Amino acid sequence: MADFSNRDFIDFDGKRFWKKFEQLQAIHPEFGHYRNLFESSLKESITSSSTNAS
């Protein structure tokens, strides 16, 4: 994710990223909270953006 961020997300494939993440999580279940953290941050960002647009 950091690599894609560094390149302004050029060629980023979200489905591929989360599929790889799920494979990693199968090996390291403790990583599961990162997706929840991402989803929460995304919702907060969307809510903040729509509030600021008003």
C-alpha atoms as a PDB file:
ATOM      1  CA  MET A   1       0.000   0.000   0.000  1.00  0.00           C
ATOM      2  CA  ALA A   2       2.822   2.402   0.840  1.00  0.00           C
ATOM      3  CA  ASP A   3       4.441   1.754  -2.530  1.00  0.00           C
ATOM      4  CA  PHE A   4       1.212   2.575  -4.390  1.00  0.00           C
ATOM      5  CA  SER A   5       0.711   5.635  -2.224  1.00  0.00           C
ATOM      6  CA  ASN A   6       4.176   6.812  -3.144  1.00  0.00           C
ATOM      7  CA  ARG A   7       3.209   6.501  -6.831  1.00  0.00           C
ATOM      8  CA  ASP A   8      -0.176   8.268  -6.373  1.00  0.00           C
ATOM      9  CA  PHE A   9      -1.936   4.881  -6.616  1.00  0.00           C
ATOM     10  CA  ILE A  10      -1.063   4.408 -10.293  1.00  0.00           C
ATOM     11  CA  ASP A  11      -2.097   0.860 -11.296  1.00  0.00           C
ATOM     12  CA  PHE A  12      -3.532   0.167  -7.829  1.00  0.00           C
ATOM     13  CA  ASP A  13      -6.025  -2.708  -7.868  1.00  0.00           C
ATOM     14  CA  GLY A  14      -8.091  -2.699  -4.678  1.00  0.00           C
ATOM     15  CA  LYS A  15      -9.510  -6.175  -5.237  1.00  0.00           C
ATOM     16  CA  ARG A  16      -6.033  -7.619  -5.753  1.00  0.00           C
ATOM     17  CA  PHE A  17      -4.724  -5.781  -2.690  1.00  0.00           C
ATOM     18  CA  TRP A  18      -7.477  -7.121  -0.405  1.00  0.00           C
ATOM     19  CA  LYS A  19      -7.092 -10.641  -1.830  1.00  0.00           C
ATOM     20  CA  LYS A  20      -3.383 -10.554  -0.969  1.00  0.00           C
ATOM     21  CA  PHE A  21      -4.254  -9.097   2.422  1.00  0.00           C
ATOM     22  CA  GLU A  22      -6.655 -11.970   3.105  1.00  0.00           C
ATOM     23  CA  GLN A  23      -3.911 -14.459   2.230  1.00  0.00           C
ATOM     24  CA  LEU A  24      -1.552 -12.716   4.632  1.00  0.00           C
ATOM     25  CA  GLN A  25      -4.246 -12.583   7.304  1.00  0.00           C
ATOM     26  CA  ALA A  26      -4.757 -16.354   6.994  1.00  0.00           C
ATOM     27  CA  ILE A  27      -1.135 -16.746   8.091  1.00  0.00           C
ATOM     28  CA  HIS A  28      -1.238 -13.873  10.602  1.00  0.00           C
ATOM     29  CA  PRO A  29      -4.785 -13.546  12.031  1.00  0.00           C
ATOM     30  CA  GLU A  30      -3.661 -10.663  14.248  1.00  0.00           C
ATOM     31  CA  PHE A  31      -3.555  -8.469  11.121  1.00  0.00           C
ATOM     32  CA  GLY A  32      -7.350  -8.578  10.845  1.00  0.00           C
ATOM     33  CA  HIS A  33      -7.848  -5.338  12.718  1.00  0.00           C
ATOM     34  CA  TYR A  34      -6.046  -3.398   9.972  1.00  0.00           C
ATOM     35  CA  ARG A  35      -8.898  -3.841   7.517  1.00  0.00           C
ATOM     36  CA  ASN A  36     -11.384  -2.640  10.139  1.00  0.00           C
ATOM     37  CA  LEU A  37      -9.134   0.346  10.813  1.00  0.00           C
ATOM     38  CA  PHE A  38      -8.980   1.091   7.083  1.00  0.00           C
ATOM     39  CA  GLU A  39     -12.757   0.817   6.651  1.00  0.00           C
ATOM     40  CA  SER A  40     -13.386   3.087   9.657  1.00  0.00           C
ATOM     41  CA  SER A  41     -10.914   5.671   8.400  1.00  0.00           C
ATOM     42  CA  LEU A  42     -12.449   5.560   4.937  1.00  0.00           C
ATOM     43  CA  LYS A  43     -15.949   6.143   6.326  1.00  0.00           C
ATOM     44  CA  GLU A  44     -14.664   9.008   8.448  1.00  0.00           C
ATOM     45  CA  SER A  45     -12.905  10.529   5.440  1.00  0.00           C
ATOM     46  CA  ILE A  46     -16.029  10.275   3.271  1.00  0.00           C
ATOM     47  CA  THR A  47     -18.187  11.772   6.017  1.00  0.00           C
ATOM     48  CA  SER A  48     -15.697  14.573   6.565  1.00  0.00           C
ATOM     49  CA  SER A  49     -15.474  15.302   2.834  1.00  0.00           C
ATOM     50  CA  SER A  50     -19.236  15.490   2.408  1.00  0.00           C
ATOM     51  CA  THR A  51     -19.576  17.714   5.473  1.00  0.00           C
ATOM     52  CA  ASN A  52     -16.839  20.080   4.251  1.00  0.00           C
ATOM     53  CA  ALA A  53     -18.407  20.262   0.790  1.00  0.00           C
ATOM     54  CA  SER A  54     -21.579  21.807   2.227  1.00  0.00           C
END
